Protein backbone atom coordinates (compact mmCIF):
# COMPACT_ATOMS: atom_id res chain seq x y z
CA MET A 1 78.14 21.05 74.49
CA ALA A 2 81.01 18.80 73.33
CA VAL A 3 80.44 19.82 69.72
CA THR A 4 80.35 23.45 70.67
CA LEU A 5 83.50 23.06 72.76
CA GLN A 6 85.21 21.20 69.88
CA GLN A 7 84.18 23.96 67.48
CA ARG A 8 85.59 26.59 69.83
CA VAL A 9 88.89 24.71 70.14
CA GLU A 10 89.17 24.45 66.34
CA LYS A 11 88.31 28.10 65.95
CA LEU A 12 90.97 29.02 68.52
CA LYS A 13 93.51 26.81 66.73
CA SER A 14 92.81 28.49 63.42
CA LYS A 15 93.07 31.94 65.03
CA ALA A 16 96.34 30.95 66.72
CA ALA A 17 97.73 29.69 63.40
CA LEU A 18 96.68 32.94 61.73
CA LEU A 19 98.34 34.95 64.48
CA GLN A 20 101.53 32.91 64.09
CA GLU A 21 101.58 33.58 60.35
CA ARG A 22 101.02 37.28 60.90
CA TYR A 23 103.74 37.33 63.54
CA LYS A 24 106.19 35.63 61.17
CA ALA A 25 105.29 38.06 58.40
CA LEU A 26 105.82 41.01 60.74
CA MET A 27 109.15 39.61 61.90
CA ARG A 28 110.28 39.20 58.27
CA ALA A 29 109.22 42.76 57.54
CA LYS A 30 111.05 44.00 60.64
CA THR A 31 114.21 42.13 59.64
CA GLU A 32 114.03 43.61 56.14
CA ALA A 33 113.44 47.08 57.60
CA ASP A 34 116.39 46.68 59.99
CA THR A 35 118.61 45.62 57.08
CA ARG A 36 117.44 48.60 55.03
CA ILE A 37 118.05 50.94 57.97
CA GLU A 38 121.58 49.60 58.28
CA GLN A 39 122.20 50.12 54.55
CA LEU A 40 120.82 53.65 54.66
CA SER A 41 122.87 54.49 57.75
CA GLY A 42 125.99 53.40 55.89
CA GLU A 43 124.96 55.52 52.92
CA ILE A 44 124.38 58.52 55.21
CA ASP A 45 127.83 58.09 56.76
CA ARG A 46 129.41 57.88 53.30
CA LEU A 47 127.57 60.99 52.13
CA ARG A 48 128.57 62.90 55.27
CA ARG A 49 132.23 62.04 54.66
CA THR A 50 131.89 63.18 51.05
CA LEU A 51 130.21 66.41 52.18
CA ARG A 52 133.03 67.15 54.65
CA GLU A 53 135.61 66.51 51.92
CA LYS A 54 133.79 68.82 49.51
CA GLU A 55 133.46 71.55 52.16
CA THR A 56 137.19 71.29 52.83
CA GLU A 57 137.90 71.49 49.10
CA ILE A 58 135.66 74.56 48.76
CA GLU A 59 137.46 76.24 51.65
CA ARG A 60 140.84 75.51 50.05
CA LEU A 61 139.65 76.90 46.73
CA LYS A 62 138.41 80.06 48.43
CA VAL A 63 141.76 80.56 50.12
CA SER A 64 143.72 79.86 46.95
CA SER A 65 141.60 82.26 44.91
CA VAL A 66 142.30 84.99 47.46
CA LEU A 67 146.03 84.28 47.37
CA THR A 68 146.31 84.14 43.60
CA PRO A 69 147.17 87.60 42.26
CA ASP A 70 145.17 88.93 39.38
CA HIS A 71 146.65 90.52 36.26
CA ARG A 72 146.29 94.09 37.58
CA ASP A 73 148.20 93.29 40.76
CA VAL A 74 151.04 91.74 38.80
CA GLU A 75 151.30 94.74 36.46
CA GLN A 76 151.16 97.21 39.34
CA THR A 77 153.93 95.34 41.17
CA ARG A 78 156.09 95.28 38.02
CA ARG A 79 155.69 99.05 37.59
CA PHE A 80 156.55 99.64 41.23
CA ILE A 81 159.69 97.49 41.00
CA SER A 82 160.72 99.20 37.74
CA GLU A 83 160.42 102.60 39.42
CA LEU A 84 162.50 101.40 42.35
CA VAL A 85 165.19 100.08 39.99
CA ARG A 86 165.25 103.45 38.16
CA ASP A 87 165.57 105.30 41.47
CA ILE A 88 168.39 103.01 42.53
CA ASP A 89 170.14 103.54 39.19
CA LYS A 90 169.83 107.35 39.64
CA CYS A 91 171.29 107.10 43.15
CA ILE A 92 174.20 104.99 41.91
CA ALA A 93 174.81 107.44 39.05
CA GLN A 94 174.82 110.39 41.46
CA LEU A 95 177.20 108.61 43.83
CA SER A 96 179.54 107.71 40.96
CA VAL A 97 180.03 111.33 39.92
């Protein structure tokens, strides 16, 4: 029985050592995973900031493109102003006579 008990103790010791090694390996893997999660969280935050900046830039470009007159609008406004100046000149000429 002593030999059998001694064998059992040795077997338990070897299993305990194996469990300790596995535990250490799992803890290393967990630490690496936690570090990677932290890195990826930082990357996500950076990308979210970039996305917000780009969305703001797109919104500004949309507004500026709406406010920028096109060639037709400029020409139409020039014609309108020219007609007004002619009408004013006619009025002044009629008042001068």
